[in-house]
Amino acid sequence: MNKDILESIFSSMSNGVILVDHNEKVLLMNASAQKLLNYDHQDYIGKDVREFEPNLQISHFLQSGESTIGVNMTIAGLHCMVNQTPLYQGDKLIGAVCVIQDISQMEQYRSLLSQMEKIIEFSTDGLYVVDKEGLTLIVNSAYEEMSGFQREELIGHRMSDLVKQGHFDQSVSLLVLREKKRISILQQIGQHKDVMVTGNPVFDEEGNIHMVVTSVRDITQLNDLTNELKKAKSFLEMSPNRYTFSSDGTDEKVIFQSSQMREIIEKVKQIASFPTSVLLSGPSGAGKEVIANLVHQLSDRKDKPFIKVNCGAIPEQLLESELFGYEKGAFTGARQEGKVGLLELADKGTVLLDEVGELPFSLQVKLLRVLQEKKIQRLGGSKVKQLDIRIISATNRNLQELVRKGEFREDLYYRLQVIELSIPPLSQRPEDVEILLDHFFAYFCKLYNVEKHVSSETKHILQSYHWPGNVRELRNLVESMIVSVPSFTIEPVDLPPHFSIHSYSESAHTLKLRMEQFEKRMIIEALQKKPSIRKAAEYLGVDHSTLVKKIKKWNMTIPPRA
């Protein structure tokens, strides 16, 4: 090979090449080396190489006769990598070949790559990169934290295999590789975290996908906040005629004196802390809802929602959607944004199914499934939500009789009747009448800012009454008397007719007694209207001393005056 061909070969090389003899005199310097050394003259032959670059230190290399490969040096102010190889002719060392590679740009790329790796690693969004075959290349720390997967589990694995293994419910990377465009989807990672993923295709010069870069944003908290807002909106939209909601207790108190109610209250205290189902049976108005409130308030769920559903008040065709909720477009007339069901609203809390005996047979199966699996699925939806609720049922019907008739599922009955509390009617616990009477009088007098009393005769009649409407009837009667009877003291004549008929049939009331009661009422009204006993006597047309005697005889209380 002649010299011209050899020089052409050296000149075509991108790396700088310098050939020196054993005296460090330059024999050959290609164009790349001249450019690197900022030397554009051709009179380099025979000159000492140290004139061009003193850092090469070829003399030491020539003395040792050993190659040095990949030495980092600063040549002409540039970061370079230098390979120095001895040149032999036979066994005689005649010179050396220096190959110089400018790696300053490579270092810049390496620095830039390091910066990009840090940006990727410290990004708050998860980043996931696959190649054109769907093979995982890069996973950052944010994605590891979101998913709970380590990058070692993912890198080197095909996305299609990871989906099959249940790591993801679907893959945006595979969709991007198929559609060849940017795609965003909602994804569930590891069946416990909701994320928004956006896959971006990266094309090569030929227009083919080279890789897919996916950004992943955790929206679990956002979804939780959205659901909480939906729940709050649902609470506001609740119809008081169908169901009620409370999360901070109630003003109702459990007032009792009878041994029957004492046993029930002790039982409630014993079971309240357990999440077991409770069935409250008893006649209407006996106080089943008050006991349900007590169970909730004594449990560890007292600060959580307490949803009360009247199964008999909601139309059958609406009850299923009200209880279980529905997704967007689940049926004709459904709200566009869907709706959270009452059972879902009560998550972590308590549900009272009042009048549970009225629950349609078709819904009993779905309710049983909720109780068994502790999961709920909205109408028209595919997503199953874990549910933690305590069910309290209340009924005035005989559920066992309904089971025998085939109107109530036996398996559901036993699910609801883990603990059964039977609330006796008020007629079976007469000891409670007087204490309830006093309680309701005090409550409504304070509520309406009035002061009234019940005469001993009236109280005797009320205590002997059979109360078919139970505690509810007693409460309503007291409120009615407080607001409708004008006199300070409520006498038997102020009671509704059916109370009078009942009382007269049991105790003989002579004309004298009837006249006496009427006289008492006239005196009380006069004392309320007039500023003094003397003025009241003038108003009644009797002597002052006569009125004083009657007041003392009947031990009457003088009503307060303004």
Protein backbone atom coordinates (compact mmCIF):
# COMPACT_ATOMS: atom_id res chain seq x y z
CA MET A 1 0.00 0.00 0.00
CA ASN A 2 1.62 3.31 -1.09
CA LYS A 3 1.86 6.48 0.97
CA ASP A 4 -0.97 8.30 -0.83
CA ILE A 5 -3.47 5.53 -0.09
CA LEU A 6 -2.32 5.37 3.53
CA GLU A 7 -2.73 9.15 3.93
CA SER A 8 -6.21 8.94 2.37
CA ILE A 9 -7.21 6.31 4.88
CA PHE A 10 -5.92 8.38 7.80
CA SER A 11 -7.57 11.54 6.44
CA SER A 12 -10.97 9.88 6.24
CA MET A 13 -10.94 8.90 9.92
CA SER A 14 -13.12 11.00 12.26
CA ASN A 15 -10.72 10.55 15.17
CA GLY A 16 -7.44 12.44 15.23
CA VAL A 17 -4.40 10.31 14.32
CA ILE A 18 -0.76 11.34 14.92
CA LEU A 19 2.16 9.13 13.86
CA VAL A 20 5.55 9.90 15.49
CA ASP A 21 9.01 8.32 15.29
CA HIS A 22 11.08 7.16 18.24
CA ASN A 23 12.34 10.74 18.73
CA GLU A 24 8.77 12.08 19.04
CA LYS A 25 9.02 13.72 15.63
CA VAL A 26 5.72 13.89 13.69
CA LEU A 27 5.60 11.63 10.64
CA LEU A 28 1.90 11.98 9.89
CA MET A 29 -1.05 14.01 11.21
CA ASN A 30 -4.48 13.54 9.68
CA ALA A 31 -7.03 16.31 9.08
CA SER A 32 -9.07 15.43 12.18
CA ALA A 33 -5.96 15.79 14.39
CA GLN A 34 -5.05 19.13 12.79
CA LYS A 35 -8.55 20.42 13.36
CA LEU A 36 -8.50 19.18 16.93
CA LEU A 37 -5.13 20.89 17.58
CA ASN A 38 -6.17 24.05 15.70
CA TYR A 39 -3.23 23.57 13.31
CA ASP A 40 -4.06 24.04 9.62
CA HIS A 41 -0.55 24.12 8.14
CA GLN A 42 1.06 21.25 6.23
CA ASP A 43 4.63 21.80 7.54
CA TYR A 44 4.16 19.54 10.56
CA ILE A 45 6.45 16.73 9.41
CA GLY A 46 9.63 16.47 11.47
CA LYS A 47 8.43 18.76 14.22
CA ASP A 48 8.37 17.69 17.84
CA VAL A 49 4.86 16.58 18.76
CA ARG A 50 5.14 18.49 22.08
CA GLU A 51 5.04 21.73 20.10
CA PHE A 52 1.47 20.87 19.21
CA GLU A 53 0.33 19.34 22.49
CA PRO A 54 2.63 18.97 25.54
CA ASN A 55 0.10 16.82 27.41
CA LEU A 56 0.67 13.81 25.18
CA GLN A 57 3.88 12.81 27.08
CA ILE A 58 4.91 10.32 24.39
CA SER A 59 8.50 10.04 25.66
CA HIS A 60 7.38 8.09 28.72
CA PHE A 61 5.25 5.87 26.56
CA LEU A 62 8.11 5.22 24.08
CA GLN A 63 10.41 4.25 26.93
CA SER A 64 7.98 1.67 28.35
CA GLY A 65 6.82 0.34 24.97
CA GLU A 66 3.40 -0.45 26.45
CA SER A 67 0.05 0.61 25.03
CA THR A 68 -2.15 3.03 26.96
CA ILE A 69 -5.84 2.79 26.08
CA GLY A 70 -8.68 5.12 27.04
CA VAL A 71 -6.63 7.75 28.85
CA ASN A 72 -8.64 10.93 29.55
CA MET A 73 -6.70 14.07 28.67
CA THR A 74 -7.37 17.71 28.01
CA ILE A 75 -6.17 18.38 24.44
CA ALA A 76 -6.37 21.96 23.15
CA GLY A 77 -8.86 22.70 25.92
CA LEU A 78 -11.13 19.80 24.96
CA HIS A 79 -11.95 16.70 26.96
CA CYS A 80 -10.47 13.84 24.94
CA MET A 81 -9.80 10.14 25.20
CA VAL A 82 -6.35 9.07 23.94
CA ASN A 83 -5.12 5.64 22.81
CA GLN A 84 -1.34 5.35 22.37
CA THR A 85 0.05 2.27 20.62
CA PRO A 86 3.77 1.44 19.98
CA LEU A 87 4.87 1.02 16.35
CA TYR A 88 7.38 -1.77 15.70
CA GLN A 89 9.38 -2.77 12.65
CA GLY A 90 10.29 -6.34 13.37
CA ASP A 91 11.46 -6.29 16.96
CA LYS A 92 12.60 -2.69 16.82
CA LEU A 93 10.43 0.13 18.29
CA ILE A 94 10.40 2.81 15.60
CA GLY A 95 7.62 5.11 16.87
CA ALA A 96 4.06 5.32 18.05
CA VAL A 97 0.49 5.93 16.90
CA CYS A 98 -1.73 8.30 18.91
CA VAL A 99 -5.48 8.17 18.32
CA ILE A 100 -7.37 11.11 19.86
CA GLN A 101 -11.14 11.13 20.26
CA ASP A 102 -12.99 14.29 21.24
CA ILE A 103 -15.44 13.18 23.92
CA SER A 104 -16.46 16.64 25.17
CA GLN A 105 -19.73 16.45 23.24
CA MET A 106 -20.25 12.91 24.48
CA GLU A 107 -19.76 14.17 28.04
CA GLN A 108 -22.34 16.86 27.41
CA TYR A 109 -24.74 14.19 26.20
CA ARG A 110 -23.91 12.08 29.22
CA SER A 111 -24.50 15.05 31.55
CA LEU A 112 -27.74 15.81 29.76
CA LEU A 113 -28.75 12.16 30.04
CA SER A 114 -27.95 12.24 33.75
CA GLN A 115 -30.09 15.35 34.17
CA MET A 116 -32.93 13.75 32.23
CA GLU A 117 -32.70 10.65 34.41
CA LYS A 118 -32.95 12.85 37.51
CA ILE A 119 -35.93 14.71 36.06
CA ILE A 120 -37.63 11.40 35.26
CA GLU A 121 -36.77 9.98 38.66
CA PHE A 122 -37.95 12.99 40.67
CA SER A 123 -41.11 13.65 38.67
CA THR A 124 -44.22 13.55 40.87
CA ASP A 125 -46.06 11.87 37.99
CA GLY A 126 -45.31 8.24 37.31
CA LEU A 127 -43.46 7.60 34.04
CA TYR A 128 -43.53 4.29 32.20
CA VAL A 129 -41.70 3.71 28.88
CA VAL A 130 -42.03 0.73 26.53
CA ASP A 131 -40.40 0.03 23.16
CA LYS A 132 -42.17 -0.67 19.88
CA GLU A 133 -42.70 -4.28 20.95
CA GLY A 134 -44.35 -3.29 24.25
CA LEU A 135 -41.30 -4.26 26.28
CA THR A 136 -40.87 -2.23 29.48
CA LEU A 137 -37.74 -0.01 29.33
CA ILE A 138 -38.05 2.63 32.07
CA VAL A 139 -40.06 2.95 35.29
CA ASN A 140 -39.51 5.84 37.70
CA SER A 141 -39.82 5.99 41.50
CA ALA A 142 -43.16 7.82 41.45
CA TYR A 143 -44.66 4.95 39.48
CA GLU A 144 -43.20 2.44 41.93
CA GLU A 145 -44.80 4.32 44.82
CA MET A 146 -48.19 4.61 43.09
CA SER A 147 -48.39 1.03 41.92
CA GLY A 148 -46.64 -0.78 44.73
CA PHE A 149 -44.57 -2.64 42.11
CA GLN A 150 -40.78 -2.52 42.01
CA ARG A 151 -39.17 -1.68 38.68
CA GLU A 152 -37.37 -5.03 38.76
CA GLU A 153 -40.81 -6.68 38.45
CA LEU A 154 -41.64 -4.68 35.31
CA ILE A 155 -38.52 -3.78 33.32
CA GLY A 156 -37.84 -6.36 30.60
CA HIS A 157 -41.41 -7.70 30.69
CA ARG A 158 -43.93 -7.28 27.88
CA MET A 159 -46.96 -5.16 28.70
CA SER A 160 -49.36 -7.80 27.33
CA ASP A 161 -47.98 -10.35 29.80
CA LEU A 162 -48.26 -7.90 32.72
CA VAL A 163 -51.95 -7.32 31.89
CA LYS A 164 -52.59 -11.06 31.79
CA GLN A 165 -50.90 -11.42 35.18
CA GLY A 166 -53.30 -8.85 36.69
CA HIS A 167 -50.81 -6.03 37.24
CA PHE A 168 -53.14 -3.73 35.22
CA ASP A 169 -56.75 -3.98 34.15
CA GLN A 170 -55.83 -2.46 30.76
CA SER A 171 -52.77 -0.90 29.07
CA VAL A 172 -52.64 2.46 27.34
CA SER A 173 -49.24 1.54 25.86
CA LEU A 174 -50.79 -1.32 23.87
CA LEU A 175 -53.62 0.98 22.74
CA VAL A 176 -51.08 3.59 21.54
CA LEU A 177 -49.05 0.95 19.67
CA ARG A 178 -52.24 -0.17 17.94
CA GLU A 179 -53.84 3.23 17.26
CA LYS A 180 -50.55 5.13 16.69
CA LYS A 181 -51.80 8.25 18.46
CA ARG A 182 -51.91 9.85 21.90
CA ILE A 183 -54.48 8.20 24.18
CA SER A 184 -55.66 8.88 27.74
CA ILE A 185 -57.58 6.36 29.85
CA LEU A 186 -58.56 5.68 33.45
CA GLN A 187 -56.73 2.66 34.81
CA GLN A 188 -56.74 0.64 37.99
CA ILE A 189 -53.36 -0.50 39.29
CA GLY A 190 -53.18 -3.54 41.49
CA GLN A 191 -56.97 -3.38 42.07
CA HIS A 192 -56.56 -0.67 44.70
CA LYS A 193 -55.53 2.60 43.06
CA ASP A 194 -57.20 4.69 40.33
CA VAL A 195 -54.88 6.54 37.94
CA MET A 196 -55.15 8.71 34.84
CA VAL A 197 -52.65 7.46 32.23
CA THR A 198 -51.68 9.24 29.01
CA GLY A 199 -49.64 7.35 26.45
CA ASN A 200 -47.57 9.42 23.97
CA PRO A 201 -46.05 7.76 20.86
CA VAL A 202 -42.44 8.63 19.91
CA PHE A 203 -41.84 8.23 16.15
CA ASP A 204 -38.57 7.58 14.34
CA GLU A 205 -37.47 9.28 11.11
CA GLU A 206 -39.46 6.79 9.03
CA GLY A 207 -42.67 7.57 10.92
CA ASN A 208 -42.75 4.29 12.82
CA ILE A 209 -43.31 4.15 16.59
CA HIS A 210 -39.97 3.88 18.32
CA MET A 211 -41.32 3.87 21.88
CA VAL A 212 -44.32 4.89 24.00
CA VAL A 213 -43.88 7.26 26.95
CA THR A 214 -46.74 7.06 29.44
CA SER A 215 -47.39 9.59 32.20
CA VAL A 216 -49.37 8.30 35.17
CA ARG A 217 -51.23 10.51 37.68
CA ASP A 218 -52.80 9.17 40.86
CA ILE A 219 -56.45 10.28 41.00
CA THR A 220 -57.51 8.02 43.88
CA GLN A 221 -57.72 10.98 46.25
CA LEU A 222 -59.49 13.05 43.60
CA ASN A 223 -62.01 10.25 43.09
CA ASP A 224 -62.47 9.99 46.86
CA LEU A 225 -63.14 13.73 47.08
CA THR A 226 -65.54 13.50 44.14
CA ASN A 227 -67.39 10.65 45.81
CA GLU A 228 -67.55 12.62 49.07
CA LEU A 229 -69.04 15.57 47.19
CA LYS A 230 -71.56 13.25 45.55
CA LYS A 231 -72.43 11.86 48.97
CA ALA A 232 -72.83 15.35 50.41
CA LYS A 233 -75.07 16.29 47.49
CA SER A 234 -77.09 13.11 47.99
CA PHE A 235 -77.50 13.90 51.70
CA LEU A 236 -78.85 17.35 50.82
CA GLU A 237 -81.31 15.85 48.34
CA MET A 238 -82.72 13.34 50.80
CA SER A 239 -86.49 13.46 51.18
CA PRO A 240 -87.53 13.49 54.85
CA ASN A 241 -90.67 11.57 53.89
CA ARG A 242 -88.61 8.61 52.76
CA TYR A 243 -85.45 8.53 54.80
CA THR A 244 -83.40 10.62 57.18
CA PHE A 245 -79.71 11.07 57.92
CA SER A 246 -77.74 11.85 61.03
CA SER A 247 -74.04 11.71 61.90
CA ASP A 248 -73.89 13.50 65.24
CA GLY A 249 -76.57 11.92 67.37
CA THR A 250 -80.12 12.91 68.23
CA ASP A 251 -81.88 14.85 70.98
CA GLU A 252 -84.15 11.90 71.70
CA LYS A 253 -83.61 10.23 75.05
CA VAL A 254 -84.53 6.77 76.19
CA ILE A 255 -86.93 7.36 79.10
CA PHE A 256 -88.07 4.31 81.04
CA GLN A 257 -88.80 2.92 84.48
CA SER A 258 -90.13 -0.55 83.68
CA SER A 259 -88.08 -3.71 84.12
CA GLN A 260 -88.84 -4.74 80.51
CA MET A 261 -87.17 -1.64 79.09
CA ARG A 262 -84.30 -1.90 81.55
CA GLU A 263 -83.49 -5.37 80.19
CA ILE A 264 -83.60 -4.07 76.62
CA ILE A 265 -81.28 -1.15 77.38
CA GLU A 266 -78.78 -3.46 79.11
CA LYS A 267 -78.86 -5.70 76.04
CA VAL A 268 -78.24 -2.72 73.77
CA LYS A 269 -75.22 -1.68 75.82
CA GLN A 270 -73.85 -5.21 75.51
CA ILE A 271 -74.22 -5.58 71.72
CA ALA A 272 -73.69 -2.00 70.47
CA SER A 273 -69.93 -2.28 70.00
CA PHE A 274 -70.26 -5.34 67.73
CA PRO A 275 -71.11 -4.91 64.00
CA THR A 276 -73.76 -7.63 64.06
CA SER A 277 -77.21 -7.13 62.51
CA VAL A 278 -80.03 -6.18 64.89
CA LEU A 279 -83.75 -6.77 64.36
CA LEU A 280 -86.13 -4.55 66.34
CA SER A 281 -89.69 -5.87 66.50
CA GLY A 282 -92.72 -4.38 68.17
CA PRO A 283 -95.89 -2.37 67.48
CA SER A 284 -95.83 1.02 65.78
CA GLY A 285 -94.89 3.88 68.05
CA ALA A 286 -93.33 1.67 70.73
CA GLY A 287 -89.90 3.30 70.34
CA LYS A 288 -88.02 1.09 67.86
CA GLU A 289 -86.33 4.06 66.20
CA VAL A 290 -85.23 5.45 69.58
CA ILE A 291 -83.59 2.09 70.37
CA ALA A 292 -81.95 2.08 66.92
CA ASN A 293 -80.53 5.54 67.65
CA LEU A 294 -79.17 4.26 70.94
CA VAL A 295 -77.47 1.27 69.26
CA HIS A 296 -75.76 3.62 66.79
CA GLN A 297 -74.72 6.15 69.43
CA LEU A 298 -73.19 3.51 71.71
CA SER A 299 -71.22 1.92 68.84
CA ASP A 300 -67.83 2.94 67.43
CA ARG A 301 -69.72 4.15 64.34
CA LYS A 302 -71.41 7.03 66.20
CA ASP A 303 -69.44 9.68 64.26
CA LYS A 304 -70.27 8.05 60.91
CA PRO A 305 -73.46 8.35 58.83
CA PHE A 306 -76.72 6.91 60.13
CA ILE A 307 -79.11 6.41 57.20
CA LYS A 308 -82.73 5.64 57.99
CA VAL A 309 -84.71 4.11 55.12
CA ASN A 310 -88.46 3.64 55.27
CA CYS A 311 -88.92 0.59 53.05
CA GLY A 312 -92.67 1.12 52.99
CA ALA A 313 -92.56 4.79 51.95
CA ILE A 314 -90.39 4.50 48.81
CA PRO A 315 -92.23 3.30 45.67
CA GLU A 316 -91.16 -0.23 44.76
CA GLN A 317 -89.95 0.78 41.29
CA LEU A 318 -87.59 3.37 42.82
CA LEU A 319 -86.42 1.47 45.89
CA GLU A 320 -83.70 -0.53 44.12
CA SER A 321 -82.05 2.54 42.57
CA GLU A 322 -82.36 4.42 45.87
CA LEU A 323 -80.70 1.64 47.86
CA PHE A 324 -78.00 0.59 45.42
CA GLY A 325 -77.50 3.73 43.30
CA TYR A 326 -76.86 3.75 39.56
CA GLU A 327 -74.32 4.77 36.95
CA LYS A 328 -74.76 7.26 34.14
CA GLY A 329 -77.37 6.07 31.62
CA ALA A 330 -78.31 3.00 33.67
CA PHE A 331 -81.98 3.37 32.68
CA THR A 332 -84.37 5.80 31.03
CA GLY A 333 -84.75 8.90 33.18
CA ALA A 334 -81.54 8.28 35.13
CA ARG A 335 -79.50 11.36 36.03
CA GLN A 336 -76.58 12.04 33.72
CA GLU A 337 -74.02 12.00 36.52
CA GLY A 338 -75.43 8.85 38.12
CA LYS A 339 -76.37 8.60 41.78
CA VAL A 340 -74.84 7.27 44.99
CA GLY A 341 -77.07 4.69 46.68
CA LEU A 342 -78.20 4.92 50.29
CA LEU A 343 -76.24 1.82 51.29
CA GLU A 344 -73.07 3.30 49.78
CA LEU A 345 -73.74 6.61 51.53
CA ALA A 346 -73.78 4.78 54.84
CA ASP A 347 -70.35 3.18 54.32
CA LYS A 348 -68.52 2.86 57.67
CA GLY A 349 -71.81 3.77 59.40
CA THR A 350 -75.24 2.32 60.15
CA VAL A 351 -78.40 1.73 58.11
CA LEU A 352 -81.86 1.47 59.68
CA LEU A 353 -84.26 -0.43 57.42
CA ASP A 354 -87.57 0.65 58.91
CA GLU A 355 -90.64 -1.40 57.97
CA VAL A 356 -88.30 -4.05 56.56
CA GLY A 357 -91.27 -6.40 56.22
CA GLU A 358 -92.42 -4.21 53.30
CA LEU A 359 -89.20 -4.84 51.34
CA PRO A 360 -90.09 -6.24 47.88
CA PHE A 361 -89.20 -9.90 47.43
CA SER A 362 -87.04 -9.12 44.37
CA LEU A 363 -84.80 -6.79 46.40
CA GLN A 364 -84.44 -9.21 49.28
CA VAL A 365 -81.98 -11.30 47.21
CA LYS A 366 -79.77 -8.28 46.46
CA LEU A 367 -79.83 -7.15 50.09
CA LEU A 368 -78.87 -10.65 51.20
CA ARG A 369 -75.89 -10.59 48.82
CA VAL A 370 -74.74 -7.26 50.27
CA LEU A 371 -74.93 -8.67 53.80
CA GLN A 372 -73.05 -11.84 52.81
CA GLU A 373 -70.33 -10.41 50.57
CA LYS A 374 -70.01 -6.91 52.08
CA LYS A 375 -69.88 -5.54 48.54
CA ILE A 376 -72.18 -3.39 46.44
CA GLN A 377 -72.56 -2.75 42.72
CA ARG A 378 -74.53 0.16 41.29
CA LEU A 379 -77.21 -0.41 38.68
CA GLY A 380 -75.66 -0.29 35.22
CA GLY A 381 -72.14 -0.43 36.65
CA SER A 382 -69.42 -3.07 36.59
CA LYS A 383 -67.28 -1.82 39.46
CA VAL A 384 -67.77 -3.57 42.79
CA LYS A 385 -67.23 -1.48 45.92
CA GLN A 386 -66.31 -2.90 49.31
CA LEU A 387 -68.90 -1.93 51.89
CA ASP A 388 -68.74 -1.71 55.68
CA ILE A 389 -72.19 -1.07 57.14
CA ARG A 390 -74.19 -2.23 60.11
CA ILE A 391 -77.81 -3.14 59.40
CA ILE A 392 -80.52 -2.44 61.95
CA SER A 393 -83.98 -3.59 60.86
CA ALA A 394 -87.29 -2.58 62.39
CA THR A 395 -90.75 -4.03 61.78
CA ASN A 396 -94.20 -4.16 63.35
CA ARG A 397 -95.02 -7.30 61.37
CA ASN A 398 -94.37 -10.93 62.24
CA LEU A 399 -91.48 -11.80 59.92
CA GLN A 400 -91.64 -15.49 60.82
CA GLU A 401 -95.25 -15.55 59.66
CA LEU A 402 -94.21 -13.79 56.43
CA VAL A 403 -91.49 -16.44 55.95
CA ARG A 404 -94.09 -19.21 56.34
CA LYS A 405 -96.29 -17.49 53.75
CA GLY A 406 -93.35 -17.21 51.34
CA GLU A 407 -93.44 -13.41 51.42
CA PHE A 408 -90.06 -12.99 53.09
CA ARG A 409 -86.86 -14.93 52.43
CA GLU A 410 -85.91 -17.21 55.28
CA ASP A 411 -82.15 -16.79 54.67
CA LEU A 412 -82.50 -12.98 54.78
CA TYR A 413 -84.58 -13.20 57.96
CA TYR A 414 -81.83 -15.09 59.76
CA ARG A 415 -79.22 -12.64 58.45
CA LEU A 416 -81.19 -9.71 59.89
CA GLN A 417 -82.15 -11.50 63.11
CA VAL A 418 -78.66 -12.14 64.52
CA ILE A 419 -79.78 -10.12 67.54
CA GLU A 420 -83.52 -9.57 68.02
CA LEU A 421 -84.94 -7.07 70.48
CA SER A 422 -88.70 -7.09 71.01
CA ILE A 423 -90.03 -3.71 72.18
CA PRO A 424 -93.22 -4.22 74.27
CA PRO A 425 -96.23 -1.93 73.77
CA LEU A 426 -96.77 0.86 76.29
CA SER A 427 -99.84 -0.94 77.65
CA GLN A 428 -97.57 -3.72 78.90
CA ARG A 429 -95.29 -1.34 80.78
CA PRO A 430 -97.61 1.13 82.59
CA GLU A 431 -94.75 2.13 84.91
CA ASP A 432 -93.31 4.09 81.99
CA VAL A 433 -96.41 6.21 81.35
CA GLU A 434 -95.94 8.72 84.16
CA ILE A 435 -92.21 9.24 83.59
CA LEU A 436 -92.75 9.65 79.84
CA LEU A 437 -95.63 12.04 80.50
CA ASP A 438 -93.45 14.20 82.75
CA HIS A 439 -90.59 14.09 80.27
CA PHE A 440 -92.68 15.18 77.27
CA PHE A 441 -94.40 17.94 79.27
CA ALA A 442 -91.04 19.34 80.34
CA TYR A 443 -89.66 19.00 76.80
CA PHE A 444 -92.50 20.79 75.00
CA CYS A 445 -92.90 23.48 77.69
CA LYS A 446 -89.24 24.34 77.22
CA LEU A 447 -89.50 24.07 73.43
CA TYR A 448 -92.49 26.44 73.20
CA ASN A 449 -91.48 28.60 76.18
CA VAL A 450 -94.68 28.02 78.17
CA GLU A 451 -95.40 26.71 81.66
CA LYS A 452 -98.30 24.30 82.19
CA HIS A 453 -99.14 21.47 84.52
CA VAL A 454 -101.26 18.35 84.50
CA SER A 455 -103.82 17.91 87.27
CA SER A 456 -103.70 14.74 89.34
CA GLU A 457 -107.10 13.64 87.94
CA THR A 458 -105.85 14.07 84.35
CA LYS A 459 -102.67 12.18 85.13
CA HIS A 460 -104.71 9.35 86.68
CA ILE A 461 -106.83 9.08 83.52
CA LEU A 462 -103.74 9.04 81.28
CA GLN A 463 -102.08 6.37 83.39
CA SER A 464 -105.11 4.09 83.14
CA TYR A 465 -105.45 4.57 79.36
CA HIS A 466 -104.48 1.59 77.14
CA TRP A 467 -102.41 3.65 74.60
CA PRO A 468 -103.01 1.80 71.31
CA GLY A 469 -100.65 4.25 69.60
CA ASN A 470 -97.94 3.62 72.21
CA VAL A 471 -95.25 6.21 73.02
CA ARG A 472 -95.88 8.09 69.78
CA GLU A 473 -99.53 8.66 70.74
CA LEU A 474 -98.50 9.87 74.22
CA ARG A 475 -95.95 12.30 72.79
CA ASN A 476 -98.39 13.71 70.24
CA LEU A 477 -101.11 14.12 72.87
CA VAL A 478 -98.80 16.05 75.18
CA GLU A 479 -97.72 18.40 72.38
CA SER A 480 -101.36 18.94 71.40
CA MET A 481 -102.37 19.82 74.97
CA ILE A 482 -99.42 22.18 75.44
CA VAL A 483 -100.27 24.24 72.36
CA SER A 484 -104.10 24.02 72.29
CA VAL A 485 -105.30 24.17 75.90
CA PRO A 486 -105.40 27.82 77.04
CA SER A 487 -105.55 27.19 80.79
CA PHE A 488 -102.51 26.88 83.04
CA THR A 489 -103.53 23.44 84.33
CA ILE A 490 -104.73 20.67 82.07
CA GLU A 491 -107.87 19.07 83.45
CA PRO A 492 -109.74 15.92 82.34
CA VAL A 493 -112.21 18.06 80.39
CA ASP A 494 -109.28 19.17 78.19
CA LEU A 495 -108.61 15.62 77.00
CA PRO A 496 -109.93 14.39 73.65
CA PRO A 497 -113.40 12.74 73.80
CA HIS A 498 -112.16 9.16 73.57
CA PHE A 499 -110.11 9.67 76.74
CA SER A 500 -113.21 11.00 78.56
CA ILE A 501 -115.34 8.08 77.42
CA HIS A 502 -112.68 5.66 78.57
CA SER A 503 -112.30 7.35 81.94
CA TYR A 504 -116.04 7.69 82.58
CA SER A 505 -116.65 4.04 81.87
CA GLU A 506 -114.11 3.05 84.51
CA SER A 507 -114.93 5.55 87.29
CA ALA A 508 -118.36 6.98 88.10
CA HIS A 509 -118.31 10.76 87.70
CA THR A 510 -121.31 12.41 89.41
CA LEU A 511 -122.72 15.72 88.38
CA LYS A 512 -121.16 17.18 91.54
CA LEU A 513 -117.67 16.07 90.45
CA ARG A 514 -118.20 17.38 86.93
CA MET A 515 -119.33 20.74 88.31
CA GLU A 516 -116.31 20.82 90.63
CA GLN A 517 -113.92 20.28 87.72
CA PHE A 518 -115.63 23.02 85.74
CA GLU A 519 -115.42 25.36 88.76
CA LYS A 520 -111.67 24.67 89.11
CA ARG A 521 -111.11 25.53 85.47
CA MET A 522 -113.06 28.82 85.79
CA ILE A 523 -110.96 29.82 88.84
CA ILE A 524 -107.65 29.00 87.12
CA GLU A 525 -108.59 31.05 84.05
CA ALA A 526 -109.58 34.00 86.27
CA LEU A 527 -106.33 33.82 88.23
CA GLN A 528 -104.40 33.83 84.92
CA LYS A 529 -106.23 36.86 83.59
CA LYS A 530 -106.32 39.06 86.70
CA PRO A 531 -103.34 40.56 88.56
CA SER A 532 -104.47 39.45 92.04
CA ILE A 533 -106.77 37.02 93.88
CA ARG A 534 -109.00 39.92 94.90
CA LYS A 535 -109.43 41.04 91.27
CA ALA A 536 -110.05 37.41 90.23
CA ALA A 537 -112.80 37.13 92.88
CA GLU A 538 -114.45 40.32 91.54
CA TYR A 539 -114.21 38.89 88.01
CA LEU A 540 -115.91 35.63 89.14
CA GLY A 541 -118.54 37.47 91.22
CA VAL A 542 -117.62 35.76 94.51
CA ASP A 543 -116.30 36.99 97.83
CA HIS A 544 -112.50 37.23 98.20
CA SER A 545 -112.52 34.91 101.26
CA THR A 546 -114.60 32.32 99.38
CA LEU A 547 -112.07 32.20 96.55
CA VAL A 548 -109.17 31.85 99.03
CA LYS A 549 -110.93 28.92 100.74
CA LYS A 550 -111.47 27.11 97.44
CA ILE A 551 -107.81 27.59 96.43
CA LYS A 552 -106.67 26.11 99.78
CA LYS A 553 -109.22 23.26 99.61
CA TRP A 554 -108.08 22.09 96.23
CA ASN A 555 -104.41 22.84 96.93
CA MET A 556 -104.28 24.85 93.72
CA THR A 557 -101.08 26.39 92.35
CA ILE A 558 -101.31 30.13 91.66
CA PRO A 559 -100.21 30.61 88.03
CA PRO A 560 -97.35 33.06 87.44
CA ARG A 561 -98.27 36.58 86.31
CA ALA A 562 -96.49 38.75 83.79
